[in-house]
Amino acid sequence: MSGTKNSDAVASLGIVIETNDPERAWNAFRLGNTALEDGISVSVFLLGEGVEAEEVSHDQFDVRAQMESFADAGGELLACGTCLELRNSDESEMCPISTMNDLLSVVTTADRVLTIG
């Protein structure tokens, strides 16, 4: 199954990340990067604790590096503005402030949606 070009079956993938757990967030972005390499359009929406993903620091799970690879490969990355505000955080160049309307668009337009929490 490795390296299967599933772009005919699935053209777009939405990933909602609701955790700041380093391994889970790292794996979510690895999946996103793999899908992008396979020609699938990917949008990631950071929700709840997920908005902290950019700041997660872990020796084994380099979440930020995966996020940067995702952004560089053309993945769409959105962060819940309310969730950022609740944490007294600001948007970043990599994670712009987004709204529930943006999340609704991700989950209603993607061929498949995966939530990692």
Protein backbone atom coordinates (compact mmCIF):
# COMPACT_ATOMS: atom_id res chain seq x y z
CA MET A 1 0.00 0.00 0.00
CA SER A 2 2.96 2.28 0.40
CA GLY A 3 3.21 4.97 -2.23
CA THR A 4 -0.24 4.40 -3.64
CA LYS A 5 -1.42 7.32 -5.72
CA ASN A 6 -4.89 7.75 -4.22
CA SER A 7 -5.46 11.16 -5.75
CA ASP A 8 -8.17 9.68 -8.01
CA ALA A 9 -10.15 8.35 -5.04
CA VAL A 10 -9.50 11.20 -2.60
CA ALA A 11 -8.71 14.66 -3.90
CA SER A 12 -8.84 16.53 -0.57
CA LEU A 13 -8.24 15.73 3.07
CA GLY A 14 -9.20 17.76 6.13
CA ILE A 15 -7.32 17.16 9.37
CA VAL A 16 -8.55 18.67 12.63
CA ILE A 17 -5.91 18.59 15.37
CA GLU A 18 -7.24 19.05 18.89
CA THR A 19 -4.17 18.06 20.87
CA ASN A 20 -0.82 19.47 21.89
CA ASP A 21 0.53 15.95 22.48
CA PRO A 22 3.86 15.94 20.60
CA GLU A 23 3.59 12.46 19.09
CA ARG A 24 -0.02 12.85 17.97
CA ALA A 25 0.53 16.29 16.42
CA TRP A 26 3.76 15.11 14.77
CA ASN A 27 2.00 12.10 13.26
CA ALA A 28 -0.91 14.25 12.07
CA PHE A 29 1.46 16.50 10.14
CA ARG A 30 3.39 13.49 8.83
CA LEU A 31 0.11 12.19 7.42
CA GLY A 32 -0.61 15.60 5.91
CA ASN A 33 2.84 15.69 4.31
CA THR A 34 2.41 12.18 2.94
CA ALA A 35 -0.96 13.11 1.44
CA LEU A 36 0.51 16.23 -0.17
CA GLU A 37 3.30 14.11 -1.68
CA ASP A 38 0.57 11.84 -3.08
CA GLY A 39 -1.08 14.79 -4.83
CA ILE A 40 -3.92 15.22 -2.33
CA SER A 41 -4.96 18.71 -1.24
CA VAL A 42 -4.74 18.99 2.57
CA SER A 43 -6.15 21.51 5.05
CA VAL A 44 -5.26 21.32 8.74
CA PHE A 45 -7.35 23.16 11.31
CA LEU A 46 -5.85 23.58 14.79
CA LEU A 47 -8.56 23.60 17.44
CA GLY A 48 -8.45 23.71 21.26
CA GLU A 49 -5.05 22.57 22.53
CA GLY A 50 -4.07 22.01 18.91
CA VAL A 51 -3.34 25.74 18.52
CA GLU A 52 -0.33 25.13 20.78
CA ALA A 53 1.22 22.70 18.27
CA GLU A 54 3.61 25.26 16.79
CA GLU A 55 5.20 25.79 20.21
CA VAL A 56 5.46 22.10 21.17
CA SER A 57 9.03 21.16 21.94
CA HIS A 58 10.09 17.52 22.10
CA ASP A 59 13.42 15.83 21.37
CA GLN A 60 11.92 12.91 19.45
CA PHE A 61 8.86 14.53 17.83
CA ASP A 62 9.77 17.75 16.01
CA VAL A 63 6.26 19.08 15.41
CA ARG A 64 7.41 22.47 14.18
CA ALA A 65 9.64 20.91 11.49
CA GLN A 66 6.70 18.81 10.25
CA MET A 67 4.50 21.91 10.24
CA GLU A 68 7.07 23.87 8.25
CA SER A 69 7.38 21.03 5.73
CA PHE A 70 3.59 20.95 5.47
CA ALA A 71 3.35 24.70 4.83
CA ASP A 72 6.28 24.63 2.36
CA ALA A 73 4.59 21.81 0.42
CA GLY A 74 1.44 23.89 -0.04
CA GLY A 75 -0.74 22.56 2.76
CA GLU A 76 -3.35 24.92 4.18
CA LEU A 77 -2.90 25.57 7.89
CA LEU A 78 -5.56 27.35 9.95
CA ALA A 79 -5.80 28.07 13.69
CA CYS A 80 -8.93 28.79 15.72
CA GLY A 81 -8.86 32.47 16.66
CA THR A 82 -10.97 31.97 19.78
CA CYS A 83 -8.71 29.14 20.96
CA LEU A 84 -5.64 31.33 20.43
CA GLU A 85 -7.31 34.21 22.28
CA LEU A 86 -8.18 31.97 25.24
CA ARG A 87 -4.48 31.14 25.50
CA ASN A 88 -3.37 34.77 25.12
CA SER A 89 -1.60 33.77 21.91
CA ASP A 90 -1.34 35.51 18.59
CA GLU A 91 -1.53 34.18 15.08
CA SER A 92 1.72 33.43 13.33
CA GLU A 93 2.74 33.58 9.71
CA MET A 94 2.40 29.80 9.56
CA CYS A 95 -0.91 29.68 11.51
CA PRO A 96 -3.28 32.52 10.63
CA ILE A 97 -6.29 33.25 12.81
CA SER A 98 -9.33 31.45 11.47
CA THR A 99 -12.97 31.09 12.41
CA MET A 100 -15.62 28.42 12.81
CA ASN A 101 -16.71 29.31 9.26
CA ASP A 102 -13.25 28.26 8.09
CA LEU A 103 -13.53 24.99 10.02
CA LEU A 104 -16.97 24.42 8.55
CA SER A 105 -15.51 24.92 5.09
CA VAL A 106 -12.72 22.41 5.79
CA VAL A 107 -15.08 19.70 7.01
CA THR A 108 -17.76 20.23 4.36
CA THR A 109 -15.51 20.50 1.31
CA ALA A 110 -12.91 17.79 2.04
CA ASP A 111 -13.45 14.32 0.62
CA ARG A 112 -12.31 12.86 3.95
CA VAL A 113 -11.95 14.42 7.41
CA LEU A 114 -9.82 13.08 10.23
CA THR A 115 -9.81 14.40 13.79
CA ILE A 116 -6.81 13.80 16.00
CA GLY A 117 -7.35 14.63 19.64
